[in-house]
Amino acid sequence: MKSDIIYAPVITEKSSNLASNGKTYVFKVAKSANKVQIKQAFEETFNVKVASVNTLNTKPKDKRVGKYTGQRKTYKKAIITLCDGYSIEL
């Protein structure tokens, strides 16, 4: 199902700087999804035309609570660039 691929927008300072041009958005996506599936899901969900999709797998960061150490969960991130004339509201 297409809606199972896109999880949530990534709201960080870096993603906000990318989004300032109005064409680039960053989303958490399913680890098993490839670029073609992400593009189709995004076009279907938001009713826009996608120019390009770049993906990356985040690395786990070490975190510590008191004497206990662990790692943050990893996820796949998609940087989506829309064609001219299209935008979405987050």
N, C-alpha and C. Protein backbone atom coordinates (compact mmCIF):
# COMPACT_ATOMS: atom_id res chain seq x y z
N MET A 1 0.84 -1.17 0.00
CA MET A 1 0.00 0.00 0.00
C MET A 1 0.89 1.25 0.00
N LYS A 2 0.52 2.25 -0.76
CA LYS A 2 1.34 3.45 -0.93
C LYS A 2 1.48 4.26 0.35
N SER A 3 0.42 4.30 1.17
CA SER A 3 0.49 5.12 2.38
C SER A 3 1.38 4.50 3.45
N ASP A 4 1.77 3.23 3.30
CA ASP A 4 2.66 2.59 4.26
C ASP A 4 4.12 2.94 4.00
N ILE A 5 4.43 3.62 2.92
CA ILE A 5 5.81 3.93 2.57
C ILE A 5 6.26 5.23 3.23
N ILE A 6 5.43 6.26 3.23
CA ILE A 6 5.80 7.56 3.78
C ILE A 6 5.33 7.61 5.23
N TYR A 7 6.28 7.87 6.17
CA TYR A 7 5.94 7.90 7.59
C TYR A 7 5.67 9.32 8.09
N ALA A 8 6.67 10.19 8.04
CA ALA A 8 6.53 11.52 8.64
C ALA A 8 7.57 12.45 8.06
N PRO A 9 7.30 13.76 8.07
CA PRO A 9 8.33 14.71 7.65
C PRO A 9 9.42 14.81 8.70
N VAL A 10 10.63 15.09 8.25
CA VAL A 10 11.76 15.32 9.14
C VAL A 10 11.88 16.82 9.34
N ILE A 11 11.66 17.28 10.58
CA ILE A 11 11.70 18.70 10.87
C ILE A 11 12.99 18.99 11.65
N THR A 12 14.00 19.46 10.92
CA THR A 12 15.27 19.85 11.52
C THR A 12 15.70 21.17 10.90
N GLU A 13 16.75 21.72 11.42
CA GLU A 13 17.25 22.98 10.87
C GLU A 13 17.73 22.79 9.43
N LYS A 14 18.41 21.69 9.20
CA LYS A 14 18.93 21.41 7.86
C LYS A 14 17.79 21.17 6.86
N SER A 15 16.76 20.42 7.26
CA SER A 15 15.64 20.18 6.34
C SER A 15 14.83 21.45 6.12
N SER A 16 14.77 22.32 7.11
CA SER A 16 14.07 23.60 6.94
C SER A 16 14.81 24.49 5.95
N ASN A 17 16.13 24.47 5.98
CA ASN A 17 16.91 25.23 5.01
C ASN A 17 16.68 24.70 3.59
N LEU A 18 16.59 23.38 3.45
CA LEU A 18 16.30 22.79 2.14
C LEU A 18 14.91 23.18 1.66
N ALA A 19 13.94 23.21 2.59
CA ALA A 19 12.56 23.50 2.23
C ALA A 19 12.32 24.98 1.95
N SER A 20 13.30 25.83 2.24
CA SER A 20 13.10 27.27 2.04
C SER A 20 12.92 27.64 0.57
N ASN A 21 13.40 26.80 -0.35
CA ASN A 21 13.19 27.09 -1.77
C ASN A 21 11.78 26.70 -2.23
N GLY A 22 11.03 25.99 -1.39
CA GLY A 22 9.65 25.63 -1.71
C GLY A 22 9.51 24.40 -2.58
N LYS A 23 10.62 23.74 -2.92
CA LYS A 23 10.55 22.58 -3.81
C LYS A 23 11.11 21.31 -3.19
N THR A 24 11.86 21.40 -2.10
CA THR A 24 12.53 20.25 -1.53
C THR A 24 11.98 19.93 -0.15
N TYR A 25 11.67 18.65 0.09
CA TYR A 25 11.11 18.20 1.35
C TYR A 25 11.83 16.94 1.80
N VAL A 26 11.90 16.73 3.12
CA VAL A 26 12.58 15.58 3.69
C VAL A 26 11.57 14.77 4.51
N PHE A 27 11.50 13.46 4.24
CA PHE A 27 10.55 12.58 4.91
C PHE A 27 11.21 11.31 5.39
N LYS A 28 10.70 10.75 6.50
CA LYS A 28 11.08 9.40 6.91
C LYS A 28 10.25 8.44 6.07
N VAL A 29 10.89 7.40 5.55
CA VAL A 29 10.20 6.44 4.71
C VAL A 29 10.53 5.02 5.16
N ALA A 30 9.81 4.05 4.61
CA ALA A 30 10.03 2.64 4.94
C ALA A 30 11.41 2.21 4.47
N LYS A 31 12.09 1.40 5.29
CA LYS A 31 13.44 0.95 4.93
C LYS A 31 13.45 0.10 3.68
N SER A 32 12.37 -0.62 3.44
CA SER A 32 12.32 -1.54 2.30
C SER A 32 11.95 -0.85 0.98
N ALA A 33 11.56 0.43 1.03
CA ALA A 33 11.10 1.13 -0.17
C ALA A 33 12.28 1.61 -1.00
N ASN A 34 12.12 1.50 -2.34
CA ASN A 34 13.15 2.04 -3.23
C ASN A 34 12.69 3.39 -3.76
N LYS A 35 13.53 4.03 -4.57
CA LYS A 35 13.25 5.39 -5.04
C LYS A 35 11.99 5.45 -5.90
N VAL A 36 11.77 4.45 -6.73
CA VAL A 36 10.59 4.44 -7.60
C VAL A 36 9.31 4.34 -6.77
N GLN A 37 9.31 3.46 -5.76
CA GLN A 37 8.14 3.31 -4.90
C GLN A 37 7.88 4.58 -4.09
N ILE A 38 8.94 5.23 -3.62
CA ILE A 38 8.80 6.47 -2.86
C ILE A 38 8.20 7.56 -3.75
N LYS A 39 8.69 7.65 -4.97
CA LYS A 39 8.18 8.66 -5.91
C LYS A 39 6.70 8.44 -6.20
N GLN A 40 6.30 7.20 -6.47
CA GLN A 40 4.90 6.90 -6.75
C GLN A 40 4.01 7.20 -5.55
N ALA A 41 4.47 6.82 -4.36
CA ALA A 41 3.68 7.06 -3.15
C ALA A 41 3.51 8.55 -2.88
N PHE A 42 4.58 9.31 -3.08
CA PHE A 42 4.53 10.74 -2.83
C PHE A 42 3.61 11.43 -3.83
N GLU A 43 3.70 11.06 -5.11
CA GLU A 43 2.83 11.67 -6.13
C GLU A 43 1.37 11.34 -5.88
N GLU A 44 1.09 10.11 -5.44
CA GLU A 44 -0.28 9.69 -5.19
C GLU A 44 -0.84 10.36 -3.93
N THR A 45 -0.03 10.44 -2.89
CA THR A 45 -0.50 10.97 -1.62
C THR A 45 -0.72 12.47 -1.66
N PHE A 46 0.22 13.22 -2.22
CA PHE A 46 0.16 14.68 -2.19
C PHE A 46 -0.31 15.30 -3.51
N ASN A 47 -0.55 14.49 -4.53
CA ASN A 47 -1.06 14.96 -5.82
C ASN A 47 -0.13 16.02 -6.43
N VAL A 48 1.17 15.69 -6.50
CA VAL A 48 2.19 16.57 -7.07
C VAL A 48 3.04 15.77 -8.04
N LYS A 49 3.91 16.46 -8.77
CA LYS A 49 4.85 15.79 -9.69
C LYS A 49 6.25 15.89 -9.09
N VAL A 50 6.92 14.74 -8.93
CA VAL A 50 8.23 14.66 -8.30
C VAL A 50 9.31 14.69 -9.37
N ALA A 51 10.31 15.57 -9.18
CA ALA A 51 11.43 15.65 -10.11
C ALA A 51 12.51 14.64 -9.77
N SER A 52 12.87 14.53 -8.48
CA SER A 52 13.91 13.57 -8.09
C SER A 52 13.72 13.13 -6.65
N VAL A 53 14.28 11.94 -6.36
CA VAL A 53 14.26 11.38 -5.00
C VAL A 53 15.67 10.94 -4.66
N ASN A 54 16.20 11.45 -3.55
CA ASN A 54 17.49 10.99 -3.02
C ASN A 54 17.21 10.34 -1.68
N THR A 55 17.86 9.20 -1.42
CA THR A 55 17.62 8.48 -0.17
C THR A 55 18.93 8.25 0.57
N LEU A 56 18.80 8.09 1.89
CA LEU A 56 19.95 7.73 2.71
C LEU A 56 19.45 7.01 3.96
N ASN A 57 20.28 6.10 4.46
CA ASN A 57 19.99 5.40 5.70
C ASN A 57 20.77 6.09 6.81
N THR A 58 20.06 6.52 7.85
CA THR A 58 20.74 7.20 8.96
C THR A 58 21.50 6.18 9.80
N LYS A 59 22.54 6.64 10.44
CA LYS A 59 23.34 5.79 11.32
C LYS A 59 22.82 5.92 12.75
N PRO A 60 22.94 4.86 13.55
CA PRO A 60 22.48 4.97 14.94
C PRO A 60 23.43 5.84 15.76
N LYS A 61 22.88 6.70 16.58
CA LYS A 61 23.69 7.54 17.46
C LYS A 61 23.71 6.90 18.85
N ASP A 62 24.87 6.94 19.49
CA ASP A 62 24.98 6.42 20.84
C ASP A 62 24.33 7.40 21.81
N LYS A 63 23.51 6.87 22.71
CA LYS A 63 22.85 7.68 23.73
C LYS A 63 23.07 7.02 25.07
N ARG A 64 23.05 7.84 26.11
CA ARG A 64 23.34 7.34 27.45
C ARG A 64 22.34 7.93 28.43
N VAL A 65 21.80 7.08 29.31
CA VAL A 65 20.92 7.50 30.38
C VAL A 65 21.51 6.94 31.66
N GLY A 66 22.15 7.81 32.42
CA GLY A 66 22.84 7.35 33.63
C GLY A 66 24.00 6.45 33.25
N LYS A 67 24.02 5.25 33.84
CA LYS A 67 25.11 4.32 33.53
C LYS A 67 24.78 3.41 32.35
N TYR A 68 23.57 3.50 31.84
CA TYR A 68 23.15 2.62 30.75
C TYR A 68 23.40 3.28 29.40
N THR A 69 23.93 2.53 28.48
CA THR A 69 24.17 3.05 27.13
C THR A 69 23.32 2.28 26.14
N GLY A 70 23.01 2.94 25.05
CA GLY A 70 22.21 2.32 24.00
C GLY A 70 22.39 3.12 22.73
N GLN A 71 21.55 2.79 21.75
CA GLN A 71 21.62 3.50 20.48
C GLN A 71 20.23 3.93 20.06
N ARG A 72 20.20 5.06 19.37
CA ARG A 72 18.97 5.57 18.79
C ARG A 72 18.59 4.70 17.60
N LYS A 73 17.32 4.62 17.30
CA LYS A 73 16.88 3.83 16.15
C LYS A 73 17.32 4.48 14.84
N THR A 74 17.54 3.64 13.83
CA THR A 74 17.88 4.15 12.51
C THR A 74 16.62 4.21 11.66
N TYR A 75 16.68 4.98 10.60
CA TYR A 75 15.57 5.07 9.66
C TYR A 75 16.09 5.48 8.30
N LYS A 76 15.25 5.32 7.29
CA LYS A 76 15.59 5.74 5.94
C LYS A 76 14.98 7.11 5.71
N LYS A 77 15.77 8.01 5.13
CA LYS A 77 15.34 9.38 4.88
C LYS A 77 15.30 9.60 3.38
N ALA A 78 14.24 10.25 2.90
CA ALA A 78 14.11 10.57 1.48
C ALA A 78 14.07 12.09 1.32
N ILE A 79 14.93 12.60 0.44
CA ILE A 79 14.94 14.02 0.10
C ILE A 79 14.25 14.14 -1.25
N ILE A 80 13.08 14.76 -1.25
CA ILE A 80 12.22 14.78 -2.43
C ILE A 80 12.19 16.18 -3.01
N THR A 81 12.49 16.29 -4.30
CA THR A 81 12.46 17.57 -5.01
C THR A 81 11.28 17.54 -5.98
N LEU A 82 10.44 18.57 -5.89
CA LEU A 82 9.25 18.65 -6.75
C LEU A 82 9.57 19.42 -8.03
N CYS A 83 8.76 19.19 -9.05
CA CYS A 83 8.88 19.94 -10.30
C CYS A 83 8.40 21.37 -10.08
N ASP A 84 8.78 22.26 -10.99
CA ASP A 84 8.37 23.66 -10.89
C ASP A 84 6.85 23.78 -10.89
N GLY A 85 6.35 24.67 -10.06
CA GLY A 85 4.90 24.91 -10.01
C GLY A 85 4.18 24.06 -9.00
N TYR A 86 4.85 23.15 -8.31
CA TYR A 86 4.20 22.28 -7.33
C TYR A 86 4.77 22.58 -5.95
N SER A 87 3.91 22.44 -4.94
CA SER A 87 4.34 22.56 -3.55
C SER A 87 3.34 21.85 -2.68
N ILE A 88 3.73 21.58 -1.43
CA ILE A 88 2.82 20.94 -0.49
C ILE A 88 2.82 21.73 0.82
N GLU A 89 1.77 21.57 1.61
CA GLU A 89 1.67 22.20 2.91
C GLU A 89 1.94 21.15 3.97
N LEU A 90 2.85 21.45 4.89
CA LEU A 90 3.16 20.52 5.98
C LEU A 90 2.50 20.94 7.26
